[in-house]
PDB file of N, CA and C in Angstrom:
ATOM      1  N   MET A   1       0.867  -1.122   0.032  1.00  0.00           N
ATOM      2  CA  MET A   1      -0.002   0.077  -0.008  1.00  0.00           C
ATOM      3  C   MET A   1       0.928   1.269  -0.070  1.00  0.00           C
ATOM      4  N   GLU A   2       0.616   2.164  -0.855  1.00  0.00           N
ATOM      5  CA  GLU A   2       1.341   3.428  -0.955  1.00  0.00           C
ATOM      6  C   GLU A   2       0.305   4.575  -0.927  1.00  0.00           C
ATOM      7  N   ASN A   3       0.870   5.638  -0.366  1.00  0.00           N
ATOM      8  CA  ASN A   3      -0.013   6.951  -0.269  1.00  0.00           C
ATOM      9  C   ASN A   3       0.483   7.798  -1.350  1.00  0.00           C
ATOM     10  N   ILE A   4      -0.407   8.341  -2.046  1.00  0.00           N
ATOM     11  CA  ILE A   4      -0.111   9.258  -3.087  1.00  0.00           C
ATOM     12  C   ILE A   4      -0.887  10.599  -2.635  1.00  0.00           C
ATOM     13  N   TYR A   5      -0.130  11.623  -2.768  1.00  0.00           N
ATOM     14  CA  TYR A   5      -0.659  13.030  -2.397  1.00  0.00           C
ATOM     15  C   TYR A   5      -0.695  13.885  -3.599  1.00  0.00           C
ATOM     16  N   ASN A   6      -1.763  14.617  -3.813  1.00  0.00           N
ATOM     17  CA  ASN A   6      -2.038  15.501  -4.821  1.00  0.00           C
ATOM     18  C   ASN A   6      -2.712  16.897  -4.302  1.00  0.00           C
ATOM     19  N   ALA A   7      -2.218  17.959  -4.972  1.00  0.00           N
ATOM     20  CA  ALA A   7      -2.793  19.271  -4.526  1.00  0.00           C
ATOM     21  C   ALA A   7      -2.977  20.227  -5.712  1.00  0.00           C
ATOM     22  N   TYR A   8      -4.082  20.923  -5.819  1.00  0.00           N
ATOM     23  CA  TYR A   8      -4.340  21.883  -6.856  1.00  0.00           C
ATOM     24  C   TYR A   8      -5.201  22.940  -6.333  1.00  0.00           C
ATOM     25  N   THR A   9      -5.387  24.038  -7.080  1.00  0.00           N
ATOM     26  CA  THR A   9      -6.177  25.184  -6.601  1.00  0.00           C
ATOM     27  C   THR A   9      -7.273  25.373  -7.677  1.00  0.00           C
ATOM     28  N   ARG A  10      -8.446  26.060  -7.163  1.00  0.00           N
ATOM     29  CA  ARG A  10      -9.507  26.389  -7.856  1.00  0.00           C
ATOM     30  C   ARG A  10      -9.997  27.728  -7.477  1.00  0.00           C
ATOM     31  N   GLU A  11     -10.527  28.588  -8.341  1.00  0.00           N
ATOM     32  CA  GLU A  11     -10.993  29.876  -7.919  1.00  0.00           C
ATOM     33  C   GLU A  11     -12.509  29.769  -7.937  1.00  0.00           C
ATOM     34  N   ILE A  12     -13.159  29.995  -6.734  1.00  0.00           N
ATOM     35  CA  ILE A  12     -14.544  29.903  -6.489  1.00  0.00           C
ATOM     36  C   ILE A  12     -15.085  31.225  -5.919  1.00  0.00           C
ATOM     37  N   ASN A  13     -15.953  31.936  -6.655  1.00  0.00           N
ATOM     38  CA  ASN A  13     -16.511  33.215  -6.233  1.00  0.00           C
ATOM     39  C   ASN A  13     -15.462  34.247  -5.946  1.00  0.00           C
ATOM     40  N   GLY A  14     -14.384  34.226  -6.644  1.00  0.00           N
ATOM     41  CA  GLY A  14     -13.277  35.195  -6.509  1.00  0.00           C
ATOM     42  C   GLY A  14     -12.272  34.888  -5.447  1.00  0.00           C
ATOM     43  N   LYS A  15     -12.451  33.676  -4.838  1.00  0.00           N
ATOM     44  CA  LYS A  15     -11.343  33.193  -3.736  1.00  0.00           C
ATOM     45  C   LYS A  15     -10.736  32.003  -4.182  1.00  0.00           C
ATOM     46  N   THR A  16      -9.448  31.972  -3.856  1.00  0.00           N
ATOM     47  CA  THR A  16      -8.757  30.793  -4.205  1.00  0.00           C
ATOM     48  C   THR A  16      -8.875  29.604  -3.105  1.00  0.00           C
ATOM     49  N   PHE A  17      -9.333  28.557  -3.624  1.00  0.00           N
ATOM     50  CA  PHE A  17      -9.312  27.459  -2.639  1.00  0.00           C
ATOM     51  C   PHE A  17      -8.161  26.314  -3.040  1.00  0.00           C
ATOM     52  N   TYR A  18      -7.736  25.775  -1.946  1.00  0.00           N
ATOM     53  CA  TYR A  18      -6.670  24.699  -2.059  1.00  0.00           C
ATOM     54  C   TYR A  18      -7.404  23.316  -1.835  1.00  0.00           C
ATOM     55  N   PHE A  19      -7.121  22.480  -2.781  1.00  0.00           N
ATOM     56  CA  PHE A  19      -7.628  21.089  -2.727  1.00  0.00           C
ATOM     57  C   PHE A  19      -6.467  20.150  -2.394  1.00  0.00           C
ATOM     58  N   VAL A  20      -6.439  19.353  -1.392  1.00  0.00           N
ATOM     59  CA  VAL A  20      -5.381  18.372  -1.123  1.00  0.00           C
ATOM     60  C   VAL A  20      -6.035  16.957  -1.025  1.00  0.00           C
ATOM     61  N   LYS A  21      -5.557  16.095  -1.840  1.00  0.00           N
ATOM     62  CA  LYS A  21      -6.038  14.737  -1.937  1.00  0.00           C
ATOM     63  C   LYS A  21      -5.005  13.830  -1.465  1.00  0.00           C
ATOM     64  N   LYS A  22      -5.520  12.762  -0.610  1.00  0.00           N
ATOM     65  CA  LYS A  22      -4.629  11.624  -0.186  1.00  0.00           C
ATOM     66  C   LYS A  22      -5.246  10.435  -0.790  1.00  0.00           C
ATOM     67  N   LEU A  23      -4.481   9.742  -1.673  1.00  0.00           N
ATOM     68  CA  LEU A  23      -4.931   8.709  -2.332  1.00  0.00           C
ATOM     69  C   LEU A  23      -4.244   7.401  -1.862  1.00  0.00           C
ATOM     70  N   ILE A  24      -4.893   6.207  -1.856  1.00  0.00           N
ATOM     71  CA  ILE A  24      -4.163   4.951  -1.566  1.00  0.00           C
ATOM     72  C   ILE A  24      -3.988   4.173  -2.841  1.00  0.00           C
ATOM     73  N   PHE A  25      -2.775   3.631  -2.963  1.00  0.00           N
ATOM     74  CA  PHE A  25      -2.564   2.897  -4.258  1.00  0.00           C
ATOM     75  C   PHE A  25      -2.016   1.484  -3.687  1.00  0.00           C
ATOM     76  N   TYR A  26      -2.511   0.441  -4.249  1.00  0.00           N
ATOM     77  CA  TYR A  26      -2.152  -0.947  -4.005  1.00  0.00           C
ATOM     78  C   TYR A  26      -1.232  -1.468  -5.204  1.00  0.00           C
ATOM     79  N   PRO A  27       0.034  -1.433  -5.163  1.00  0.00           N
ATOM     80  CA  PRO A  27       0.840  -1.957  -6.356  1.00  0.00           C
ATOM     81  C   PRO A  27       0.684  -3.324  -6.661  1.00  0.00           C
ATOM     82  N   GLU A  28       0.228  -4.172  -5.631  1.00  0.00           N
ATOM     83  CA  GLU A  28       0.286  -5.643  -5.942  1.00  0.00           C
ATOM     84  C   GLU A  28      -1.070  -5.854  -6.711  1.00  0.00           C
ATOM     85  N   VAL A  29      -2.006  -5.045  -6.826  1.00  0.00           N
ATOM     86  CA  VAL A  29      -3.181  -5.263  -7.619  1.00  0.00           C
ATOM     87  C   VAL A  29      -2.911  -4.664  -9.107  1.00  0.00           C
ATOM     88  N   LYS A  30      -3.020  -5.622 -10.045  1.00  0.00           N
ATOM     89  CA  LYS A  30      -2.673  -5.287 -11.422  1.00  0.00           C
ATOM     90  C   LYS A  30      -3.787  -4.465 -11.877  1.00  0.00           C
ATOM     91  N   ASP A  31      -3.486  -3.385 -12.770  1.00  0.00           N
ATOM     92  CA  ASP A  31      -4.540  -2.564 -13.409  1.00  0.00           C
ATOM     93  C   ASP A  31      -5.313  -1.794 -12.343  1.00  0.00           C
ATOM     94  N   GLY A  32      -4.861  -1.673 -11.179  1.00  0.00           N
ATOM     95  CA  GLY A  32      -5.554  -1.009  -9.997  1.00  0.00           C
ATOM     96  C   GLY A  32      -5.413   0.477 -10.199  1.00  0.00           C
ATOM     97  N   SER A  33      -6.417   1.228  -9.857  1.00  0.00           N
ATOM     98  CA  SER A  33      -6.266   2.745  -9.772  1.00  0.00           C
ATOM     99  C   SER A  33      -6.299   3.248  -8.278  1.00  0.00           C
ATOM    100  N   PRO A  34      -5.703   4.354  -8.118  1.00  0.00           N
ATOM    101  CA  PRO A  34      -5.647   4.892  -6.827  1.00  0.00           C
ATOM    102  C   PRO A  34      -7.032   5.102  -6.255  1.00  0.00           C
ATOM    103  N   ILE A  35      -7.207   4.921  -4.920  1.00  0.00           N
ATOM    104  CA  ILE A  35      -8.548   5.112  -4.301  1.00  0.00           C
ATOM    105  C   ILE A  35      -8.389   6.480  -3.329  1.00  0.00           C
ATOM    106  N   LEU A  36      -9.470   7.408  -3.447  1.00  0.00           N
ATOM    107  CA  LEU A  36      -9.421   8.401  -2.680  1.00  0.00           C
ATOM    108  C   LEU A  36      -9.684   8.083  -1.220  1.00  0.00           C
ATOM    109  N   ASP A  37      -8.769   8.427  -0.378  1.00  0.00           N
ATOM    110  CA  ASP A  37      -8.866   8.235   1.058  1.00  0.00           C
ATOM    111  C   ASP A  37      -9.333   9.512   1.746  1.00  0.00           C
ATOM    112  N   ARG A  38      -8.706  10.568   1.667  1.00  0.00           N
ATOM    113  CA  ARG A  38      -9.102  11.910   2.172  1.00  0.00           C
ATOM    114  C   ARG A  38      -9.043  13.049   1.163  1.00  0.00           C
ATOM    115  N   LEU A  39      -9.869  14.066   1.362  1.00  0.00           N
ATOM    116  CA  LEU A  39      -9.893  15.133   0.555  1.00  0.00           C
ATOM    117  C   LEU A  39     -10.144  16.470   1.499  1.00  0.00           C
ATOM    118  N   GLY A  40      -9.174  17.392   1.364  1.00  0.00           N
ATOM    119  CA  GLY A  40      -9.287  18.618   2.136  1.00  0.00           C
ATOM    120  C   GLY A  40      -9.373  19.858   1.190  1.00  0.00           C
ATOM    121  N   MET A  41     -10.356  20.652   1.531  1.00  0.00           N
ATOM    122  CA  MET A  41     -10.667  21.933   0.702  1.00  0.00           C
ATOM    123  C   MET A  41     -10.771  23.127   1.742  1.00  0.00           C
ATOM    124  N   HIS A  42      -9.877  24.021   1.425  1.00  0.00           N
ATOM    125  CA  HIS A  42     -10.070  25.328   2.333  1.00  0.00           C
ATOM    126  C   HIS A  42      -9.247  26.485   1.615  1.00  0.00           C
ATOM    127  N   THR A  43      -9.539  27.743   2.045  1.00  0.00           N
ATOM    128  CA  THR A  43      -8.907  28.758   1.556  1.00  0.00           C
ATOM    129  C   THR A  43      -7.443  28.913   2.064  1.00  0.00           C
ATOM    130  N   ASN A  44      -7.168  28.252   3.092  1.00  0.00           N
ATOM    131  CA  ASN A  44      -5.898  28.124   3.749  1.00  0.00           C
ATOM    132  C   ASN A  44      -5.208  26.883   3.447  1.00  0.00           C
ATOM    133  N   PHE A  45      -4.010  26.745   2.786  1.00  0.00           N
ATOM    134  CA  PHE A  45      -3.425  25.605   2.336  1.00  0.00           C
ATOM    135  C   PHE A  45      -3.178  24.683   3.510  1.00  0.00           C
ATOM    136  N   HIS A  46      -2.728  25.213   4.631  1.00  0.00           N
ATOM    137  CA  HIS A  46      -2.235  24.303   5.783  1.00  0.00           C
ATOM    138  C   HIS A  46      -3.622  23.595   6.413  1.00  0.00           C
ATOM    139  N   LYS A  47      -4.715  24.429   6.384  1.00  0.00           N
ATOM    140  CA  LYS A  47      -6.023  23.865   6.886  1.00  0.00           C
ATOM    141  C   LYS A  47      -6.453  22.804   6.005  1.00  0.00           C
ATOM    142  N   ALA A  48      -6.265  22.972   4.703  1.00  0.00           N
ATOM    143  CA  ALA A  48      -6.676  21.898   3.671  1.00  0.00           C
ATOM    144  C   ALA A  48      -5.846  20.589   3.936  1.00  0.00           C
ATOM    145  N   CYS A  49      -4.591  20.907   4.202  1.00  0.00           N
ATOM    146  CA  CYS A  49      -3.664  19.635   4.582  1.00  0.00           C
ATOM    147  C   CYS A  49      -4.208  19.005   5.835  1.00  0.00           C
ATOM    148  N   HIS A  50      -4.540  19.837   6.847  1.00  0.00           N
ATOM    149  CA  HIS A  50      -5.071  19.180   8.137  1.00  0.00           C
ATOM    150  C   HIS A  50      -6.309  18.454   7.812  1.00  0.00           C
ATOM    151  N   ILE A  51      -7.335  18.962   7.093  1.00  0.00           N
ATOM    152  CA  ILE A  51      -8.468  18.308   6.813  1.00  0.00           C
ATOM    153  C   ILE A  51      -8.318  16.971   6.102  1.00  0.00           C
ATOM    154  N   ALA A  52      -7.348  16.953   5.143  1.00  0.00           N
ATOM    155  CA  ALA A  52      -6.960  15.776   4.385  1.00  0.00           C
ATOM    156  C   ALA A  52      -6.091  14.885   5.146  1.00  0.00           C
ATOM    157  N   GLU A  53      -5.694  15.153   6.527  1.00  0.00           N
ATOM    158  CA  GLU A  53      -4.835  14.515   7.397  1.00  0.00           C
ATOM    159  C   GLU A  53      -3.608  14.193   6.690  1.00  0.00           C
ATOM    160  N   VAL A  54      -2.915  15.282   6.202  1.00  0.00           N
ATOM    161  CA  VAL A  54      -1.515  15.243   5.698  1.00  0.00           C
ATOM    162  C   VAL A  54      -0.766  15.876   6.659  1.00  0.00           C
ATOM    163  N   HIS A  55       0.045  15.148   7.546  1.00  0.00           N
ATOM    164  CA  HIS A  55       0.741  15.720   8.579  1.00  0.00           C
ATOM    165  C   HIS A  55       2.257  15.641   8.341  1.00  0.00           C
ATOM    166  N   ASP A  56       2.727  15.099   7.458  1.00  0.00           N
ATOM    167  CA  ASP A  56       4.215  14.919   7.229  1.00  0.00           C
ATOM    168  C   ASP A  56       4.763  16.144   6.536  1.00  0.00           C
ATOM    169  N   ASP A  57       5.654  16.798   7.239  1.00  0.00           N
ATOM    170  CA  ASP A  57       6.286  18.079   6.753  1.00  0.00           C
ATOM    171  C   ASP A  57       6.833  17.943   5.418  1.00  0.00           C
ATOM    172  N   GLN A  58       7.543  16.889   5.111  1.00  0.00           N
ATOM    173  CA  GLN A  58       8.137  16.728   3.801  1.00  0.00           C
ATOM    174  C   GLN A  58       7.090  16.834   2.699  1.00  0.00           C
ATOM    175  N   VAL A  59       6.019  16.010   2.939  1.00  0.00           N
ATOM    176  CA  VAL A  59       4.961  15.974   1.955  1.00  0.00           C
ATOM    177  C   VAL A  59       4.333  17.324   1.748  1.00  0.00           C
ATOM    178  N   VAL A  60       4.145  17.997   2.817  1.00  0.00           N
ATOM    179  CA  VAL A  60       3.453  19.389   2.774  1.00  0.00           C
ATOM    180  C   VAL A  60       4.402  20.375   2.027  1.00  0.00           C
ATOM    181  N   ASN A  61       5.646  20.290   2.308  1.00  0.00           N
ATOM    182  CA  ASN A  61       6.611  21.061   1.521  1.00  0.00           C
ATOM    183  C   ASN A  61       6.628  20.812   0.126  1.00  0.00           C
ATOM    184  N   ARG A  62       6.562  19.571  -0.221  1.00  0.00           N
ATOM    185  CA  ARG A  62       6.594  19.179  -1.625  1.00  0.00           C
ATOM    186  C   ARG A  62       5.479  19.630  -2.326  1.00  0.00           C
ATOM    187  N   LEU A  63       4.160  19.510  -1.586  1.00  0.00           N
ATOM    188  CA  LEU A  63       2.964  20.083  -2.226  1.00  0.00           C
ATOM    189  C   LEU A  63       3.051  21.613  -2.480  1.00  0.00           C
ATOM    190  N   MET A  64       3.608  22.280  -1.396  1.00  0.00           N
ATOM    191  CA  MET A  64       3.723  23.736  -1.461  1.00  0.00           C
ATOM    192  C   MET A  64       4.660  24.114  -2.713  1.00  0.00           C
ATOM    193  N   ASN A  65       5.678  23.400  -2.890  1.00  0.00           N
ATOM    194  CA  ASN A  65       6.523  23.702  -4.031  1.00  0.00           C
ATOM    195  C   ASN A  65       5.767  23.410  -5.351  1.00  0.00           C
ATOM    196  N   GLU A  66       4.951  22.386  -5.429  1.00  0.00           N
ATOM    197  CA  GLU A  66       4.292  22.053  -6.702  1.00  0.00           C
ATOM    198  C   GLU A  66       3.307  23.166  -6.981  1.00  0.00           C
ATOM    199  N   LEU A  67       2.761  23.802  -5.924  1.00  0.00           N
ATOM    200  CA  LEU A  67       1.695  24.840  -6.157  1.00  0.00           C
ATOM    201  C   LEU A  67       2.339  26.282  -6.231  1.00  0.00           C
ATOM    202  N   HIS A  68       3.615  26.401  -5.997  1.00  0.00           N
ATOM    203  CA  HIS A  68       4.465  27.594  -5.991  1.00  0.00           C
ATOM    204  C   HIS A  68       4.012  28.493  -4.827  1.00  0.00           C
ATOM    205  N   ILE A  69       3.729  27.784  -3.676  1.00  0.00           N
ATOM    206  CA  ILE A  69       3.312  28.723  -2.503  1.00  0.00           C
ATOM    207  C   ILE A  69       4.533  29.073  -1.799  1.00  0.00           C
ATOM    208  N   ILE A  70       4.601  30.363  -1.439  1.00  0.00           N
ATOM    209  CA  ILE A  70       5.819  30.703  -0.619  1.00  0.00           C
ATOM    210  C   ILE A  70       5.285  31.085   0.680  1.00  0.00           C
ATOM    211  N   THR A  71       6.035  30.552   1.678  1.00  0.00           N
ATOM    212  CA  THR A  71       5.503  30.603   3.102  1.00  0.00           C
ATOM    213  C   THR A  71       5.811  32.145   3.464  1.00  0.00           C
ATOM    214  N   GLU A  72       4.758  32.556   4.336  1.00  0.00           N
ATOM    215  CA  GLU A  72       4.959  33.995   4.708  1.00  0.00           C
ATOM    216  C   GLU A  72       6.008  34.113   5.739  1.00  0.00           C
ATOM    217  N   SER A  73       6.764  35.166   5.552  1.00  0.00           N
ATOM    218  CA  SER A  73       7.906  35.431   6.476  1.00  0.00           C
ATOM    219  C   SER A  73       7.194  36.095   7.645  1.00  0.00           C
ATOM    220  N   ALA A  74       8.058  36.029   8.781  1.00  0.00           N
ATOM    221  CA  ALA A  74       7.488  36.403  10.074  1.00  0.00           C
ATOM    222  C   ALA A  74       7.234  37.941   9.955  1.00  0.00           C
ATOM    223  N   ARG A  75       6.021  38.420  10.436  1.00  0.00           N
ATOM    224  CA  ARG A  75       5.643  39.779  10.497  1.00  0.00           C
ATOM    225  C   ARG A  75       6.415  40.558  11.552  1.00  0.00           C
ATOM    226  N   VAL A  76       6.896  41.668  11.367  1.00  0.00           N
ATOM    227  CA  VAL A  76       7.359  42.637  12.343  1.00  0.00           C
ATOM    228  C   VAL A  76       6.318  43.447  12.844  1.00  0.00           C
ATOM    229  N   ILE A  77       6.101  43.475  14.165  1.00  0.00           N
ATOM    230  CA  ILE A  77       5.036  44.245  14.762  1.00  0.00           C
ATOM    231  C   ILE A  77       5.897  45.441  15.528  1.00  0.00           C
ATOM    232  N   HIS A  78       5.601  46.581  15.088  1.00  0.00           N
ATOM    233  CA  HIS A  78       6.253  47.800  15.804  1.00  0.00           C
ATOM    234  C   HIS A  78       5.548  48.181  16.933  1.00  0.00           C
ATOM    235  N   LEU A  79       6.356  48.068  18.092  1.00  0.00           N
ATOM    236  CA  LEU A  79       5.636  48.545  19.250  1.00  0.00           C
ATOM    237  C   LEU A  79       6.106  50.014  19.741  1.00  0.00           C
ATOM    238  N   GLN A  80       5.191  50.666  20.409  1.00  0.00           N
ATOM    239  CA  GLN A  80       5.441  51.898  20.746  1.00  0.00           C
ATOM    240  C   GLN A  80       6.349  51.950  21.999  1.00  0.00           C
ATOM    241  N   LYS A  81       7.133  52.987  22.272  1.00  0.00           N
ATOM    242  CA  LYS A  81       8.058  52.863  23.391  1.00  0.00           C
ATOM    243  C   LYS A  81       7.176  52.874  24.666  1.00  0.00           C
ATOM    244  N   ALA A  82       7.525  52.203  25.597  1.00  0.00           N
ATOM    245  CA  ALA A  82       6.805  52.077  26.908  1.00  0.00           C
ATOM    246  C   ALA A  82       7.364  53.295  27.771  1.00  0.00           C
ATOM    247  N   LYS A  83       6.557  53.838  28.527  1.00  0.00           N
ATOM    248  CA  LYS A  83       6.995  54.939  29.386  1.00  0.00           C
ATOM    249  C   LYS A  83       7.801  54.317  30.446  1.00  0.00           C
ATOM    250  N   ALA A  84       8.919  55.042  30.895  1.00  0.00           N
ATOM    251  CA  ALA A  84       9.793  54.447  31.916  1.00  0.00           C
ATOM    252  C   ALA A  84       9.069  54.476  33.284  1.00  0.00           C
ATOM    253  N   VAL A  85       9.295  53.495  34.055  1.00  0.00           N
ATOM    254  CA  VAL A  85       8.639  53.489  35.373  1.00  0.00           C
ATOM    255  C   VAL A  85       9.513  54.247  36.269  1.00  0.00           C
ATOM    256  N   THR A  86       8.862  55.241  36.917  1.00  0.00           N
ATOM    257  CA  THR A  86       9.630  56.072  37.907  1.00  0.00           C
ATOM    258  C   THR A  86       9.301  55.649  39.307  1.00  0.00           C
ATOM    259  N   HIS A  87      10.343  55.636  40.083  1.00  0.00           N
ATOM    260  CA  HIS A  87      10.147  55.229  41.469  1.00  0.00           C
ATOM    261  C   HIS A  87      10.217  56.441  42.396  1.00  0.00           C
ATOM    262  N   SER A  88      10.156  57.555  41.900  1.00  0.00           N
ATOM    263  CA  SER A  88      10.162  58.890  42.562  1.00  0.00           C
ATOM    264  C   SER A  88       8.891  59.047  43.338  1.00  0.00           C
ATOM    265  N   LEU A  89       8.874  59.277  44.561  1.00  0.00           N
ATOM    266  CA  LEU A  89       7.734  59.479  45.389  1.00  0.00           C
ATOM    267  C   LEU A  89       7.175  60.881  44.972  1.00  0.00           C
ATOM    268  N   LEU A  90       7.953  61.804  44.793  1.00  0.00           N
ATOM    269  CA  LEU A  90       7.415  63.018  44.344  1.00  0.00           C
ATOM    270  C   LEU A  90       6.720  63.162  43.019  1.00  0.00           C
ATOM    271  N   LYS A  91       7.192  62.518  42.021  1.00  0.00           N
ATOM    272  CA  LYS A  91       6.545  62.511  40.749  1.00  0.00           C
ATOM    273  C   LYS A  91       5.333  61.582  40.915  1.00  0.00           C
ATOM    274  N   ASN A  92       5.334  60.446  41.532  1.00  0.00           N
ATOM    275  CA  ASN A  92       4.046  59.647  41.724  1.00  0.00           C
ATOM    276  C   ASN A  92       3.058  60.242  42.391  1.00  0.00           C
ATOM    277  N   THR A  93       3.416  61.101  43.524  1.00  0.00           N
ATOM    278  CA  THR A  93       2.456  61.807  44.170  1.00  0.00           C
ATOM    279  C   THR A  93       1.744  62.884  43.404  1.00  0.00           C
ATOM    280  N   GLN A  94       2.595  63.653  42.632  1.00  0.00           N
ATOM    281  CA  GLN A  94       2.089  64.688  41.750  1.00  0.00           C
ATOM    282  C   GLN A  94       1.090  64.217  40.683  1.00  0.00           C
ATOM    283  N   HIS A  95       1.470  63.017  40.189  1.00  0.00           N
ATOM    284  CA  HIS A  95       0.705  62.301  39.107  1.00  0.00           C
ATOM    285  C   HIS A  95      -0.653  61.912  39.760  1.00  0.00           C
ATOM    286  N   ALA A  96      -0.551  61.375  40.975  1.00  0.00           N
ATOM    287  CA  ALA A  96      -1.910  60.928  41.509  1.00  0.00           C
ATOM    288  C   ALA A  96      -2.788  62.114  41.906  1.00  0.00           C
ATOM    289  N   LEU A  97      -2.171  63.183  42.337  1.00  0.00           N
ATOM    290  CA  LEU A  97      -3.024  64.294  42.662  1.00  0.00           C
ATOM    291  C   LEU A  97      -3.513  65.031  41.387  1.00  0.00           C
ATOM    292  N   LEU A  98      -2.902  64.977  40.403  1.00  0.00           N
ATOM    293  CA  LEU A  98      -3.358  65.459  39.082  1.00  0.00           C
ATOM    294  C   LEU A  98      -4.517  64.763  38.728  1.00  0.00           C
ATOM    295  N   LYS A  99      -4.369  63.404  38.807  1.00  0.00           N
ATOM    296  CA  LYS A  99      -5.504  62.530  38.412  1.00  0.00           C
ATOM    297  C   LYS A  99      -6.714  62.725  39.195  1.00  0.00           C
ATOM    298  N   LEU A 100      -6.568  62.973  40.475  1.00  0.00           N
ATOM    299  CA  LEU A 100      -7.744  63.254  41.474  1.00  0.00           C
ATOM    300  C   LEU A 100      -8.331  64.629  41.027  1.00  0.00           C
ATOM    301  N   LYS A 101      -7.467  65.619  40.750  1.00  0.00           N
ATOM    302  CA  LYS A 101      -8.017  66.911  40.313  1.00  0.00           C
ATOM    303  C   LYS A 101      -8.824  66.935  39.129  1.00  0.00           C
ATOM    304  N   LEU A 102      -8.358  66.105  38.180  1.00  0.00           N
ATOM    305  CA  LEU A 102      -8.919  66.049  36.945  1.00  0.00           C
ATOM    306  C   LEU A 102     -10.372  65.176  37.088  1.00  0.00           C
ATOM    307  N   ALA A 103     -10.289  64.258  37.941  1.00  0.00           N
ATOM    308  CA  ALA A 103     -11.547  63.481  38.217  1.00  0.00           C
ATOM    309  C   ALA A 103     -12.607  64.313  38.893  1.00  0.00           C
ATOM    310  N   SER A 104     -12.174  65.301  39.666  1.00  0.00           N
ATOM    311  CA  SER A 104     -13.179  66.065  40.450  1.00  0.00           C
ATOM    312  C   SER A 104     -13.884  67.138  39.546  1.00  0.00           C
ATOM    313  N   PHE A 105     -13.279  67.430  38.366  1.00  0.00           N
ATOM    314  CA  PHE A 105     -13.948  68.255  37.464  1.00  0.00           C
ATOM    315  C   PHE A 105     -14.929  67.592  36.702  1.00  0.00           C
ATOM    316  N   SER A 106     -14.987  66.295  36.494  1.00  0.00           N
ATOM    317  CA  SER A 106     -15.932  65.552  35.725  1.00  0.00           C
ATOM    318  C   SER A 106     -17.176  65.408  36.365  1.00  0.00           C
TER     319      SER A 106
END
């Protein structure tokens, strides 16, 4: 028994869907054709592989190469500078009093 994996894309209603097939082939049976074991369909390639129960990384990478899918590089998220924590009693007291003063106006 051998597993054969196949992947292709189709555009449905303007969205690209990935189809991943897992086929079983019995070489000992003469003139036998592959039997469909699992089929995964999703807009996300990795989810389609998960639905088709294709978990081997080498197979997933081979299918991605066949479809010319380039993995997304890591996104860089820019963070704003955090305010420095002050341990000054005078600044913290002034800040607390300012908040109380502003709260009393509301």
